[in-house]
Amino acid sequence: QLQASGGGLVQTGGSLRLSCAASGRTYSSYVRGWFRQAPGKEREFVARILWSGGTESYADSVKGRLTISRDNADDTVYLQMNSLKPEDAAVYYCAAGGMWSHDPRPTDYDYWGQGTLVTVSS
């Protein structure tokens, strides 16, 4: 089971740190990712990390502002979000999957957390 947390209300330019904790099983052999979904829009890729080796990739819209990281000790993935913009507002989902594809999609991921809401005020 994946549990996302850390969402909240922040002003434009502010920061948040999201966490995705694993329980019940280990996901350390998987690709761990973050997606987001705004009202009326499709779920979109934000960032991912390959657990073994730590390779990262990001959506162009978040590069330089959001950083994904992992904690091997407790099987947790983080998303540090800086310089937040109103267009970053969404429900953020963490996920785990076995595929590192060229064009990351929700279908690459087998396990999903419940989502945490990020609201950015202008």
PDB file of N, CA and C in Angstrom:
ATOM      1  N   GLN A   1       0.845  -1.188   0.000  1.00  0.00           N
ATOM      2  CA  GLN A   1       0.000   0.000   0.000  1.00  0.00           C
ATOM      3  C   GLN A   1       0.883   1.242   0.000  1.00  0.00           C
ATOM      4  N   LEU A   2       0.484   2.260  -0.775  1.00  0.00           N
ATOM      5  CA  LEU A   2       1.200   3.515  -0.829  1.00  0.00           C
ATOM      6  C   LEU A   2       0.330   4.598  -0.197  1.00  0.00           C
ATOM      7  N   GLN A   3       0.950   5.427   0.613  1.00  0.00           N
ATOM      8  CA  GLN A   3       0.222   6.477   1.326  1.00  0.00           C
ATOM      9  C   GLN A   3       0.883   7.810   1.030  1.00  0.00           C
ATOM     10  N   ALA A   4       0.168   8.676   0.307  1.00  0.00           N
ATOM     11  CA  ALA A   4       0.677  10.009  -0.008  1.00  0.00           C
ATOM     12  C   ALA A   4       0.218  11.003   1.041  1.00  0.00           C
ATOM     13  N   SER A   5       1.094  11.951   1.361  1.00  0.00           N
ATOM     14  CA  SER A   5       0.754  12.983   2.334  1.00  0.00           C
ATOM     15  C   SER A   5       1.571  14.230   2.051  1.00  0.00           C
ATOM     16  N   GLY A   6       1.223  15.322   2.739  1.00  0.00           N
ATOM     17  CA  GLY A   6       2.005  16.546   2.639  1.00  0.00           C
ATOM     18  C   GLY A   6       1.361  17.659   1.843  1.00  0.00           C
ATOM     19  N   GLY A   7       0.237  17.403   1.240  1.00  0.00           N
ATOM     20  CA  GLY A   7      -0.437  18.436   0.484  1.00  0.00           C
ATOM     21  C   GLY A   7      -0.990  19.523   1.385  1.00  0.00           C
ATOM     22  N   GLY A   8      -1.408  20.618   0.778  1.00  0.00           N
ATOM     23  CA  GLY A   8      -1.969  21.711   1.547  1.00  0.00           C
ATOM     24  C   GLY A   8      -2.138  22.951   0.702  1.00  0.00           C
ATOM     25  N   LEU A   9      -2.407  24.052   1.373  1.00  0.00           N
ATOM     26  CA  LEU A   9      -2.586  25.352   0.719  1.00  0.00           C
ATOM     27  C   LEU A   9      -1.302  26.158   0.850  1.00  0.00           C
ATOM     28  N   VAL A  10      -0.830  26.681  -0.270  1.00  0.00           N
ATOM     29  CA  VAL A  10       0.393  27.469  -0.262  1.00  0.00           C
ATOM     30  C   VAL A  10       0.225  28.628  -1.231  1.00  0.00           C
ATOM     31  N   GLN A  11       0.919  29.724  -0.962  1.00  0.00           N
ATOM     32  CA  GLN A  11       0.872  30.859  -1.859  1.00  0.00           C
ATOM     33  C   GLN A  11       1.796  30.648  -3.054  1.00  0.00           C
ATOM     34  N   THR A  12       1.528  31.353  -4.122  1.00  0.00           N
ATOM     35  CA  THR A  12       2.411  31.314  -5.285  1.00  0.00           C
ATOM     36  C   THR A  12       3.843  31.636  -4.860  1.00  0.00           C
ATOM     37  N   GLY A  13       4.773  30.811  -5.314  1.00  0.00           N
ATOM     38  CA  GLY A  13       6.164  30.967  -4.944  1.00  0.00           C
ATOM     39  C   GLY A  13       6.571  30.174  -3.718  1.00  0.00           C
ATOM     40  N   GLY A  14       5.611  29.591  -3.053  1.00  0.00           N
ATOM     41  CA  GLY A  14       5.888  28.837  -1.847  1.00  0.00           C
ATOM     42  C   GLY A  14       6.351  27.414  -2.122  1.00  0.00           C
ATOM     43  N   SER A  15       6.516  26.658  -1.041  1.00  0.00           N
ATOM     44  CA  SER A  15       7.049  25.301  -1.136  1.00  0.00           C
ATOM     45  C   SER A  15       6.208  24.317  -0.340  1.00  0.00           C
ATOM     46  N   LEU A  16       6.224  23.088  -0.795  1.00  0.00           N
ATOM     47  CA  LEU A  16       5.624  21.970  -0.090  1.00  0.00           C
ATOM     48  C   LEU A  16       6.511  20.752  -0.304  1.00  0.00           C
ATOM     49  N   ARG A  17       6.427  19.818   0.623  1.00  0.00           N
ATOM     50  CA  ARG A  17       7.128  18.547   0.461  1.00  0.00           C
ATOM     51  C   ARG A  17       6.126  17.422   0.607  1.00  0.00           C
ATOM     52  N   LEU A  18       5.936  16.674  -0.454  1.00  0.00           N
ATOM     53  CA  LEU A  18       5.044  15.526  -0.427  1.00  0.00           C
ATOM     54  C   LEU A  18       5.827  14.262  -0.084  1.00  0.00           C
ATOM     55  N   SER A  19       5.161  13.356   0.587  1.00  0.00           N
ATOM     56  CA  SER A  19       5.766  12.070   0.939  1.00  0.00           C
ATOM     57  C   SER A  19       4.887  10.943   0.432  1.00  0.00           C
ATOM     58  N   CYS A  20       5.514   9.843   0.105  1.00  0.00           N
ATOM     59  CA  CYS A  20       4.806   8.639  -0.303  1.00  0.00           C
ATOM     60  C   CYS A  20       5.426   7.467   0.440  1.00  0.00           C
ATOM     61  N   ALA A  21       4.736   7.022   1.471  1.00  0.00           N
ATOM     62  CA  ALA A  21       5.240   5.936   2.299  1.00  0.00           C
ATOM     63  C   ALA A  21       4.655   4.611   1.846  1.00  0.00           C
ATOM     64  N   ALA A  22       5.462   3.579   1.919  1.00  0.00           N
ATOM     65  CA  ALA A  22       5.034   2.242   1.543  1.00  0.00           C
ATOM     66  C   ALA A  22       4.798   1.399   2.787  1.00  0.00           C
ATOM     67  N   SER A  23       3.800   0.565   2.709  1.00  0.00           N
ATOM     68  CA  SER A  23       3.537  -0.362   3.814  1.00  0.00           C
ATOM     69  C   SER A  23       2.991  -1.661   3.248  1.00  0.00           C
ATOM     70  N   GLY A  24       3.144  -2.712   4.004  1.00  0.00           N
ATOM     71  CA  GLY A  24       2.589  -3.996   3.617  1.00  0.00           C
ATOM     72  C   GLY A  24       3.464  -4.805   2.683  1.00  0.00           C
ATOM     73  N   ARG A  25       4.289  -4.133   1.911  1.00  0.00           N
ATOM     74  CA  ARG A  25       5.211  -4.807   1.009  1.00  0.00           C
ATOM     75  C   ARG A  25       6.277  -3.813   0.618  1.00  0.00           C
ATOM     76  N   THR A  26       7.329  -4.292  -0.002  1.00  0.00           N
ATOM     77  CA  THR A  26       8.367  -3.394  -0.452  1.00  0.00           C
ATOM     78  C   THR A  26       8.193  -3.063  -1.931  1.00  0.00           C
ATOM     79  N   TYR A  27       8.508  -1.824  -2.267  1.00  0.00           N
ATOM     80  CA  TYR A  27       8.448  -1.393  -3.656  1.00  0.00           C
ATOM     81  C   TYR A  27       9.838  -0.979  -4.126  1.00  0.00           C
ATOM     82  N   SER A  28      10.856  -1.475  -3.456  1.00  0.00           N
ATOM     83  CA  SER A  28      12.208  -0.999  -3.717  1.00  0.00           C
ATOM     84  C   SER A  28      12.753  -1.450  -5.063  1.00  0.00           C
ATOM     85  N   SER A  29      12.112  -2.392  -5.716  1.00  0.00           N
ATOM     86  CA  SER A  29      12.591  -2.814  -7.027  1.00  0.00           C
ATOM     87  C   SER A  29      11.839  -2.127  -8.159  1.00  0.00           C
ATOM     88  N   TYR A  30      10.996  -1.188  -7.818  1.00  0.00           N
ATOM     89  CA  TYR A  30      10.119  -0.566  -8.788  1.00  0.00           C
ATOM     90  C   TYR A  30      10.580   0.832  -9.201  1.00  0.00           C
ATOM     91  N   VAL A  31       9.960   1.334 -10.240  1.00  0.00           N
ATOM     92  CA  VAL A  31       9.999   2.745 -10.562  1.00  0.00           C
ATOM     93  C   VAL A  31       8.943   3.418  -9.679  1.00  0.00           C
ATOM     94  N   ARG A  32       9.330   4.498  -9.038  1.00  0.00           N
ATOM     95  CA  ARG A  32       8.391   5.230  -8.200  1.00  0.00           C
ATOM     96  C   ARG A  32       8.115   6.593  -8.851  1.00  0.00           C
ATOM     97  N   GLY A  33       6.862   6.917  -8.959  1.00  0.00           N
ATOM     98  CA  GLY A  33       6.515   8.133  -9.686  1.00  0.00           C
ATOM     99  C   GLY A  33       5.496   8.987  -8.967  1.00  0.00           C
ATOM    100  N   TRP A  34       5.423  10.222  -9.428  1.00  0.00           N
ATOM    101  CA  TRP A  34       4.383  11.154  -8.996  1.00  0.00           C
ATOM    102  C   TRP A  34       3.626  11.626 -10.245  1.00  0.00           C
ATOM    103  N   PHE A  35       2.318  11.615 -10.127  1.00  0.00           N
ATOM    104  CA  PHE A  35       1.431  12.157 -11.147  1.00  0.00           C
ATOM    105  C   PHE A  35       0.524  13.175 -10.474  1.00  0.00           C
ATOM    106  N   ARG A  36      -0.136  13.974 -11.285  1.00  0.00           N
ATOM    107  CA  ARG A  36      -1.106  14.917 -10.728  1.00  0.00           C
ATOM    108  C   ARG A  36      -2.312  15.018 -11.656  1.00  0.00           C
ATOM    109  N   GLN A  37      -3.418  15.399 -11.062  1.00  0.00           N
ATOM    110  CA  GLN A  37      -4.651  15.536 -11.816  1.00  0.00           C
ATOM    111  C   GLN A  37      -5.415  16.745 -11.320  1.00  0.00           C
ATOM    112  N   ALA A  38      -5.589  17.715 -12.196  1.00  0.00           N
ATOM    113  CA  ALA A  38      -6.380  18.900 -11.894  1.00  0.00           C
ATOM    114  C   ALA A  38      -7.816  18.645 -12.335  1.00  0.00           C
ATOM    115  N   PRO A  39      -8.771  19.392 -11.775  1.00  0.00           N
ATOM    116  CA  PRO A  39     -10.179  19.194 -12.140  1.00  0.00           C
ATOM    117  C   PRO A  39     -10.402  19.336 -13.642  1.00  0.00           C
ATOM    118  N   GLY A  40     -11.075  18.354 -14.208  1.00  0.00           N
ATOM    119  CA  GLY A  40     -11.390  18.399 -15.624  1.00  0.00           C
ATOM    120  C   GLY A  40     -10.256  18.030 -16.553  1.00  0.00           C
ATOM    121  N   LYS A  41      -9.125  17.629 -15.982  1.00  0.00           N
ATOM    122  CA  LYS A  41      -7.962  17.283 -16.807  1.00  0.00           C
ATOM    123  C   LYS A  41      -7.559  15.839 -16.568  1.00  0.00           C
ATOM    124  N   GLU A  42      -6.776  15.316 -17.496  1.00  0.00           N
ATOM    125  CA  GLU A  42      -6.276  13.964 -17.347  1.00  0.00           C
ATOM    126  C   GLU A  42      -5.115  13.932 -16.352  1.00  0.00           C
ATOM    127  N   ARG A  43      -4.896  12.762 -15.806  1.00  0.00           N
ATOM    128  CA  ARG A  43      -3.762  12.575 -14.911  1.00  0.00           C
ATOM    129  C   ARG A  43      -2.481  12.698 -15.720  1.00  0.00           C
ATOM    130  N   GLU A  44      -1.537  13.511 -15.221  1.00  0.00           N
ATOM    131  CA  GLU A  44      -0.315  13.748 -15.968  1.00  0.00           C
ATOM    132  C   GLU A  44       0.909  13.427 -15.135  1.00  0.00           C
ATOM    133  N   PHE A  45       1.944  13.039 -15.847  1.00  0.00           N
ATOM    134  CA  PHE A  45       3.215  12.700 -15.226  1.00  0.00           C
ATOM    135  C   PHE A  45       3.887  13.944 -14.659  1.00  0.00           C
ATOM    136  N   VAL A  46       4.497  13.790 -13.481  1.00  0.00           N
ATOM    137  CA  VAL A  46       5.245  14.884 -12.858  1.00  0.00           C
ATOM    138  C   VAL A  46       6.728  14.525 -12.735  1.00  0.00           C
ATOM    139  N   ALA A  47       7.010  13.406 -12.076  1.00  0.00           N
ATOM    140  CA  ALA A  47       8.405  13.019 -11.842  1.00  0.00           C
ATOM    141  C   ALA A  47       8.462  11.529 -11.524  1.00  0.00           C
ATOM    142  N   ARG A  48       9.629  10.931 -11.727  1.00  0.00           N
ATOM    143  CA  ARG A  48       9.820   9.538 -11.391  1.00  0.00           C
ATOM    144  C   ARG A  48      11.266   9.297 -11.016  1.00  0.00           C
ATOM    145  N   ILE A  49      11.462   8.193 -10.288  1.00  0.00           N
ATOM    146  CA  ILE A  49      12.808   7.821  -9.883  1.00  0.00           C
ATOM    147  C   ILE A  49      12.936   6.311  -9.959  1.00  0.00           C
ATOM    148  N   LEU A  50      14.041   5.867 -10.493  1.00  0.00           N
ATOM    149  CA  LEU A  50      14.346   4.450 -10.545  1.00  0.00           C
ATOM    150  C   LEU A  50      15.002   4.089  -9.220  1.00  0.00           C
ATOM    151  N   TRP A  51      14.344   3.207  -8.473  1.00  0.00           N
ATOM    152  CA  TRP A  51      14.808   2.944  -7.115  1.00  0.00           C
ATOM    153  C   TRP A  51      16.259   2.461  -7.093  1.00  0.00           C
ATOM    154  N   SER A  52      16.563   1.575  -8.003  1.00  0.00           N
ATOM    155  CA  SER A  52      17.930   1.070  -8.070  1.00  0.00           C
ATOM    156  C   SER A  52      18.773   2.021  -8.908  1.00  0.00           C
ATOM    157  N   GLY A  53      19.641   2.762  -8.277  1.00  0.00           N
ATOM    158  CA  GLY A  53      20.501   3.695  -8.997  1.00  0.00           C
ATOM    159  C   GLY A  53      20.072   5.140  -8.897  1.00  0.00           C
ATOM    160  N   GLY A  54      18.786   5.383  -8.674  1.00  0.00           N
ATOM    161  CA  GLY A  54      18.318   6.741  -8.437  1.00  0.00           C
ATOM    162  C   GLY A  54      18.140   7.619  -9.653  1.00  0.00           C
ATOM    163  N   THR A  55      18.117   7.052 -10.847  1.00  0.00           N
ATOM    164  CA  THR A  55      17.873   7.870 -12.040  1.00  0.00           C
ATOM    165  C   THR A  55      16.530   8.581 -11.927  1.00  0.00           C
ATOM    166  N   GLU A  56      16.531   9.870 -12.275  1.00  0.00           N
ATOM    167  CA  GLU A  56      15.318  10.675 -12.164  1.00  0.00           C
ATOM    168  C   GLU A  56      14.909  11.220 -13.530  1.00  0.00           C
ATOM    169  N   SER A  57      13.633  11.495 -13.660  1.00  0.00           N
ATOM    170  CA  SER A  57      13.181  12.280 -14.818  1.00  0.00           C
ATOM    171  C   SER A  57      11.960  13.096 -14.409  1.00  0.00           C
ATOM    172  N   TYR A  58      11.741  14.203 -15.141  1.00  0.00           N
ATOM    173  CA  TYR A  58      10.716  15.165 -14.791  1.00  0.00           C
ATOM    174  C   TYR A  58       9.945  15.618 -16.023  1.00  0.00           C
ATOM    175  N   ALA A  59       8.716  16.009 -15.779  1.00  0.00           N
ATOM    176  CA  ALA A  59       7.970  16.701 -16.821  1.00  0.00           C
ATOM    177  C   ALA A  59       8.626  18.060 -17.057  1.00  0.00           C
ATOM    178  N   ASP A  60       8.597  18.538 -18.282  1.00  0.00           N
ATOM    179  CA  ASP A  60       9.231  19.819 -18.611  1.00  0.00           C
ATOM    180  C   ASP A  60       8.665  20.961 -17.766  1.00  0.00           C
ATOM    181  N   SER A  61       7.396  20.874 -17.440  1.00  0.00           N
ATOM    182  CA  SER A  61       6.728  21.960 -16.726  1.00  0.00           C
ATOM    183  C   SER A  61       7.206  22.121 -15.285  1.00  0.00           C
ATOM    184  N   VAL A  62       7.892  21.115 -14.750  1.00  0.00           N
ATOM    185  CA  VAL A  62       8.315  21.180 -13.347  1.00  0.00           C
ATOM    186  C   VAL A  62       9.832  21.155 -13.184  1.00  0.00           C
ATOM    187  N   LYS A  63      10.558  20.992 -14.257  1.00  0.00           N
ATOM    188  CA  LYS A  63      12.017  20.915 -14.158  1.00  0.00           C
ATOM    189  C   LYS A  63      12.586  22.169 -13.506  1.00  0.00           C
ATOM    190  N   GLY A  64      13.504  21.945 -12.577  1.00  0.00           N
ATOM    191  CA  GLY A  64      14.135  23.058 -11.885  1.00  0.00           C
ATOM    192  C   GLY A  64      13.369  23.550 -10.679  1.00  0.00           C
ATOM    193  N   ARG A  65      12.131  23.099 -10.514  1.00  0.00           N
ATOM    194  CA  ARG A  65      11.321  23.531  -9.367  1.00  0.00           C
ATOM    195  C   ARG A  65      10.953  22.372  -8.444  1.00  0.00           C
ATOM    196  N   LEU A  66      10.728  21.209  -9.006  1.00  0.00           N
ATOM    197  CA  LEU A  66      10.348  20.037  -8.220  1.00  0.00           C
ATOM    198  C   LEU A  66      11.477  19.019  -8.253  1.00  0.00           C
ATOM    199  N   THR A  67      11.682  18.361  -7.133  1.00  0.00           N
ATOM    200  CA  THR A  67      12.745  17.368  -7.022  1.00  0.00           C
ATOM    201  C   THR A  67      12.212  16.113  -6.354  1.00  0.00           C
ATOM    202  N   ILE A  68      12.430  14.992  -7.001  1.00  0.00           N
ATOM    203  CA  ILE A  68      12.031  13.707  -6.423  1.00  0.00           C
ATOM    204  C   ILE A  68      13.241  13.065  -5.758  1.00  0.00           C
ATOM    205  N   SER A  69      13.007  12.408  -4.642  1.00  0.00           N
ATOM    206  CA  SER A  69      14.090  11.724  -3.945  1.00  0.00           C
ATOM    207  C   SER A  69      13.520  10.509  -3.238  1.00  0.00           C
ATOM    208  N   ARG A  70      14.410   9.669  -2.729  1.00  0.00           N
ATOM    209  CA  ARG A  70      13.961   8.457  -2.058  1.00  0.00           C
ATOM    210  C   ARG A  70      14.762   8.246  -0.784  1.00  0.00           C
ATOM    211  N   ASP A  71      14.143   7.525   0.131  1.00  0.00           N
ATOM    212  CA  ASP A  71      14.810   7.115   1.365  1.00  0.00           C
ATOM    213  C   ASP A  71      14.805   5.590   1.387  1.00  0.00           C
ATOM    214  N   ASN A  72      15.966   5.020   1.173  1.00  0.00           N
ATOM    215  CA  ASN A  72      16.060   3.568   1.103  1.00  0.00           C
ATOM    216  C   ASN A  72      15.666   2.900   2.416  1.00  0.00           C
ATOM    217  N   ALA A  73      15.938   3.565   3.513  1.00  0.00           N
ATOM    218  CA  ALA A  73      15.736   2.950   4.817  1.00  0.00           C
ATOM    219  C   ALA A  73      14.265   2.647   5.095  1.00  0.00           C
ATOM    220  N   ASP A  74      13.382   3.549   4.666  1.00  0.00           N
ATOM    221  CA  ASP A  74      11.968   3.313   4.985  1.00  0.00           C
ATOM    222  C   ASP A  74      11.086   3.262   3.747  1.00  0.00           C
ATOM    223  N   ASP A  75      11.712   3.083   2.578  1.00  0.00           N
ATOM    224  CA  ASP A  75      10.935   2.852   1.351  1.00  0.00           C
ATOM    225  C   ASP A  75       9.963   3.991   1.073  1.00  0.00           C
ATOM    226  N   THR A  76      10.434   5.213   1.280  1.00  0.00           N
ATOM    227  CA  THR A  76       9.606   6.399   1.092  1.00  0.00           C
ATOM    228  C   THR A  76      10.170   7.256  -0.034  1.00  0.00           C
ATOM    229  N   VAL A  77       9.268   7.815  -0.814  1.00  0.00           N
ATOM    230  CA  VAL A  77       9.639   8.731  -1.887  1.00  0.00           C
ATOM    231  C   VAL A  77       9.100  10.115  -1.549  1.00  0.00           C
ATOM    232  N   TYR A  78       9.873  11.130  -1.853  1.00  0.00           N
ATOM    233  CA  TYR A  78       9.497  12.507  -1.566  1.00  0.00           C
ATOM    234  C   TYR A  78       9.415  13.318  -2.860  1.00  0.00           C
ATOM    235  N   LEU A  79       8.616  14.358  -2.820  1.00  0.00           N
ATOM    236  CA  LEU A  79       8.570  15.327  -3.910  1.00  0.00           C
ATOM    237  C   LEU A  79       8.677  16.708  -3.289  1.00  0.00           C
ATOM    238  N   GLN A  80       9.859  17.306  -3.397  1.00  0.00           N
ATOM    239  CA  GLN A  80      10.065  18.664  -2.912  1.00  0.00           C
ATOM    240  C   GLN A  80       9.595  19.620  -3.987  1.00  0.00           C
ATOM    241  N   MET A  81       8.665  20.478  -3.623  1.00  0.00           N
ATOM    242  CA  MET A  81       8.037  21.381  -4.586  1.00  0.00           C
ATOM    243  C   MET A  81       8.356  22.818  -4.194  1.00  0.00           C
ATOM    244  N   ASN A  82       9.126  23.489  -5.010  1.00  0.00           N
ATOM    245  CA  ASN A  82       9.512  24.878  -4.768  1.00  0.00           C
ATOM    246  C   ASN A  82       8.974  25.780  -5.869  1.00  0.00           C
ATOM    247  N   SER A  83       8.922  27.056  -5.589  1.00  0.00           N
ATOM    248  CA  SER A  83       8.463  28.054  -6.572  1.00  0.00           C
ATOM    249  C   SER A  83       7.131  27.648  -7.196  1.00  0.00           C
ATOM    250  N   LEU A  84       6.206  27.276  -6.345  1.00  0.00           N
ATOM    251  CA  LEU A  84       4.929  26.755  -6.833  1.00  0.00           C
ATOM    252  C   LEU A  84       4.127  27.825  -7.562  1.00  0.00           C
ATOM    253  N   LYS A  85       3.412  27.377  -8.577  1.00  0.00           N
ATOM    254  CA  LYS A  85       2.585  28.239  -9.405  1.00  0.00           C
ATOM    255  C   LYS A  85       1.134  27.793  -9.308  1.00  0.00           C
ATOM    256  N   PRO A  86       0.192  28.675  -9.627  1.00  0.00           N
ATOM    257  CA  PRO A  86      -1.222  28.257  -9.601  1.00  0.00           C
ATOM    258  C   PRO A  86      -1.491  27.041 -10.478  1.00  0.00           C
ATOM    259  N   GLU A  87      -0.772  26.905 -11.572  1.00  0.00           N
ATOM    260  CA  GLU A  87      -1.002  25.762 -12.461  1.00  0.00           C
ATOM    261  C   GLU A  87      -0.466  24.442 -11.894  1.00  0.00           C
ATOM    262  N   ASP A  88       0.241  24.499 -10.769  1.00  0.00           N
ATOM    263  CA  ASP A  88       0.659  23.275 -10.096  1.00  0.00           C
ATOM    264  C   ASP A  88      -0.439  22.697  -9.210  1.00  0.00           C
ATOM    265  N   ALA A  89      -1.501  23.433  -9.004  1.00  0.00           N
ATOM    266  CA  ALA A  89      -2.584  22.967  -8.139  1.00  0.00           C
ATOM    267  C   ALA A  89      -3.248  21.732  -8.732  1.00  0.00           C
ATOM    268  N   ALA A  90      -3.372  20.696  -7.921  1.00  0.00           N
ATOM    269  CA  ALA A  90      -3.927  19.427  -8.385  1.00  0.00           C
ATOM    270  C   ALA A  90      -3.940  18.449  -7.218  1.00  0.00           C
ATOM    271  N   VAL A  91      -4.546  17.303  -7.449  1.00  0.00           N
ATOM    272  CA  VAL A  91      -4.364  16.166  -6.550  1.00  0.00           C
ATOM    273  C   VAL A  91      -3.131  15.424  -7.041  1.00  0.00           C
ATOM    274  N   TYR A  92      -2.191  15.204  -6.147  1.00  0.00           N
ATOM    275  CA  TYR A  92      -0.945  14.526  -6.480  1.00  0.00           C
ATOM    276  C   TYR A  92      -1.022  13.076  -6.012  1.00  0.00           C
ATOM    277  N   TYR A  93      -0.671  12.186  -6.921  1.00  0.00           N
ATOM    278  CA  TYR A  93      -0.696  10.759  -6.650  1.00  0.00           C
ATOM    279  C   TYR A  93       0.705  10.178  -6.752  1.00  0.00           C
ATOM    280  N   CYS A  94       1.034   9.304  -5.810  1.00  0.00           N
ATOM    281  CA  CYS A  94       2.274   8.561  -5.967  1.00  0.00           C
ATOM    282  C   CYS A  94       1.944   7.166  -6.483  1.00  0.00           C
ATOM    283  N   ALA A  95       2.918   6.574  -7.135  1.00  0.00           N
ATOM    284  CA  ALA A  95       2.680   5.294  -7.774  1.00  0.00           C
ATOM    285  C   ALA A  95       3.961   4.480  -7.835  1.00  0.00           C
ATOM    286  N   ALA A  96       3.798   3.188  -8.016  1.00  0.00           N
ATOM    287  CA  ALA A  96       4.933   2.280  -8.183  1.00  0.00           C
ATOM    288  C   ALA A  96       4.636   1.345  -9.345  1.00  0.00           C
ATOM    289  N   GLY A  97       5.646   1.140 -10.181  1.00  0.00           N
ATOM    290  CA  GLY A  97       5.442   0.278 -11.336  1.00  0.00           C
ATOM    291  C   GLY A  97       6.744  -0.315 -11.810  1.00  0.00           C
ATOM    292  N   GLY A  98       6.629  -1.233 -12.752  1.00  0.00           N
ATOM    293  CA  GLY A  98       7.811  -1.931 -13.206  1.00  0.00           C
ATOM    294  C   GLY A  98       8.381  -1.460 -14.518  1.00  0.00           C
ATOM    295  N   MET A  99       7.828  -0.402 -15.090  1.00  0.00           N
ATOM    296  CA  MET A  99       8.253   0.011 -16.424  1.00  0.00           C
ATOM    297  C   MET A  99       8.851   1.415 -16.413  1.00  0.00           C
ATOM    298  N   TRP A 100       9.994   1.553 -17.075  1.00  0.00           N
ATOM    299  CA  TRP A 100      10.610   2.869 -17.301  1.00  0.00           C
ATOM    300  C   TRP A 100      10.500   3.129 -18.795  1.00  0.00           C
ATOM    301  N   SER A 101       9.420   3.755 -19.196  1.00  0.00           N
ATOM    302  CA  SER A 101       9.174   3.962 -20.620  1.00  0.00           C
ATOM    303  C   SER A 101       9.655   5.339 -21.047  1.00  0.00           C
ATOM    304  N   HIS A 102       9.773   5.514 -22.361  1.00  0.00           N
ATOM    305  CA  HIS A 102      10.234   6.788 -22.902  1.00  0.00           C
ATOM    306  C   HIS A 102       9.242   7.906 -22.598  1.00  0.00           C
ATOM    307  N   ASP A 103       7.958   7.569 -22.640  1.00  0.00           N
ATOM    308  CA  ASP A 103       6.895   8.537 -22.403  1.00  0.00           C
ATOM    309  C   ASP A 103       6.077   8.048 -21.213  1.00  0.00           C
ATOM    310  N   PRO A 104       6.432   8.450 -20.000  1.00  0.00           N
ATOM    311  CA  PRO A 104       5.777   7.881 -18.816  1.00  0.00           C
ATOM    312  C   PRO A 104       4.274   8.173 -18.783  1.00  0.00           C
ATOM    313  N   ARG A 105       3.523   7.119 -18.499  1.00  0.00           N
ATOM    314  CA  ARG A 105       2.068   7.206 -18.480  1.00  0.00           C
ATOM    315  C   ARG A 105       1.536   6.492 -17.260  1.00  0.00           C
ATOM    316  N   PRO A 106       0.308   6.823 -16.840  1.00  0.00           N
ATOM    317  CA  PRO A 106      -0.266   6.122 -15.684  1.00  0.00           C
ATOM    318  C   PRO A 106      -0.315   4.610 -15.872  1.00  0.00           C
ATOM    319  N   THR A 107      -0.462   4.156 -17.095  1.00  0.00           N
ATOM    320  CA  THR A 107      -0.567   2.713 -17.336  1.00  0.00           C
ATOM    321  C   THR A 107       0.742   1.978 -17.087  1.00  0.00           C
ATOM    322  N   ASP A 108       1.852   2.712 -16.909  1.00  0.00           N
ATOM    323  CA  ASP A 108       3.132   2.087 -16.557  1.00  0.00           C
ATOM    324  C   ASP A 108       3.156   1.615 -15.109  1.00  0.00           C
ATOM    325  N   TYR A 109       2.190   2.071 -14.315  1.00  0.00           N
ATOM    326  CA  TYR A 109       2.246   1.889 -12.871  1.00  0.00           C
ATOM    327  C   TYR A 109       1.145   0.952 -12.391  1.00  0.00           C
ATOM    328  N   ASP A 110       1.513   0.072 -11.488  1.00  0.00           N
ATOM    329  CA  ASP A 110       0.601  -0.960 -10.999  1.00  0.00           C
ATOM    330  C   ASP A 110      -0.029  -0.607  -9.654  1.00  0.00           C
ATOM    331  N   TYR A 111       0.633   0.210  -8.880  1.00  0.00           N
ATOM    332  CA  TYR A 111       0.182   0.500  -7.519  1.00  0.00           C
ATOM    333  C   TYR A 111       0.085   2.016  -7.338  1.00  0.00           C
ATOM    334  N   TRP A 112      -0.996   2.438  -6.686  1.00  0.00           N
ATOM    335  CA  TRP A 112      -1.268   3.867  -6.537  1.00  0.00           C
ATOM    336  C   TRP A 112      -1.624   4.205  -5.099  1.00  0.00           C
ATOM    337  N   GLY A 113      -1.170   5.377  -4.664  1.00  0.00           N
ATOM    338  CA  GLY A 113      -1.625   5.930  -3.412  1.00  0.00           C
ATOM    339  C   GLY A 113      -2.948   6.658  -3.612  1.00  0.00           C
ATOM    340  N   GLN A 114      -3.491   7.189  -2.534  1.00  0.00           N
ATOM    341  CA  GLN A 114      -4.834   7.756  -2.573  1.00  0.00           C
ATOM    342  C   GLN A 114      -4.868   9.202  -3.032  1.00  0.00           C
ATOM    343  N   GLY A 115      -3.742   9.874  -3.124  1.00  0.00           N
ATOM    344  CA  GLY A 115      -3.727  11.262  -3.563  1.00  0.00           C
ATOM    345  C   GLY A 115      -3.710  12.247  -2.412  1.00  0.00           C
ATOM    346  N   THR A 116      -3.023  13.355  -2.635  1.00  0.00           N
ATOM    347  CA  THR A 116      -2.987  14.441  -1.661  1.00  0.00           C
ATOM    348  C   THR A 116      -3.169  15.758  -2.417  1.00  0.00           C
ATOM    349  N   LEU A 117      -4.008  16.632  -1.885  1.00  0.00           N
ATOM    350  CA  LEU A 117      -4.414  17.846  -2.595  1.00  0.00           C
ATOM    351  C   LEU A 117      -3.426  18.977  -2.366  1.00  0.00           C
ATOM    352  N   VAL A 118      -2.991  19.585  -3.455  1.00  0.00           N
ATOM    353  CA  VAL A 118      -2.139  20.769  -3.409  1.00  0.00           C
ATOM    354  C   VAL A 118      -2.925  21.936  -3.996  1.00  0.00           C
ATOM    355  N   THR A 119      -3.057  22.984  -3.220  1.00  0.00           N
ATOM    356  CA  THR A 119      -3.757  24.187  -3.655  1.00  0.00           C
ATOM    357  C   THR A 119      -2.771  25.350  -3.624  1.00  0.00           C
ATOM    358  N   VAL A 120      -2.697  26.099  -4.705  1.00  0.00           N
ATOM    359  CA  VAL A 120      -1.767  27.224  -4.796  1.00  0.00           C
ATOM    360  C   VAL A 120      -2.578  28.492  -5.032  1.00  0.00           C
ATOM    361  N   SER A 121      -2.494  29.418  -4.104  1.00  0.00           N
ATOM    362  CA  SER A 121      -3.241  30.667  -4.224  1.00  0.00           C
ATOM    363  C   SER A 121      -2.397  31.712  -4.944  1.00  0.00           C
ATOM    364  N   SER A 122      -3.062  32.495  -5.759  1.00  0.00           N
ATOM    365  CA  SER A 122      -2.341  33.519  -6.542  1.00  0.00           C
ATOM    366  C   SER A 122      -2.348  34.865  -5.828  1.00  0.00           C
TER     367      SER A 122
END
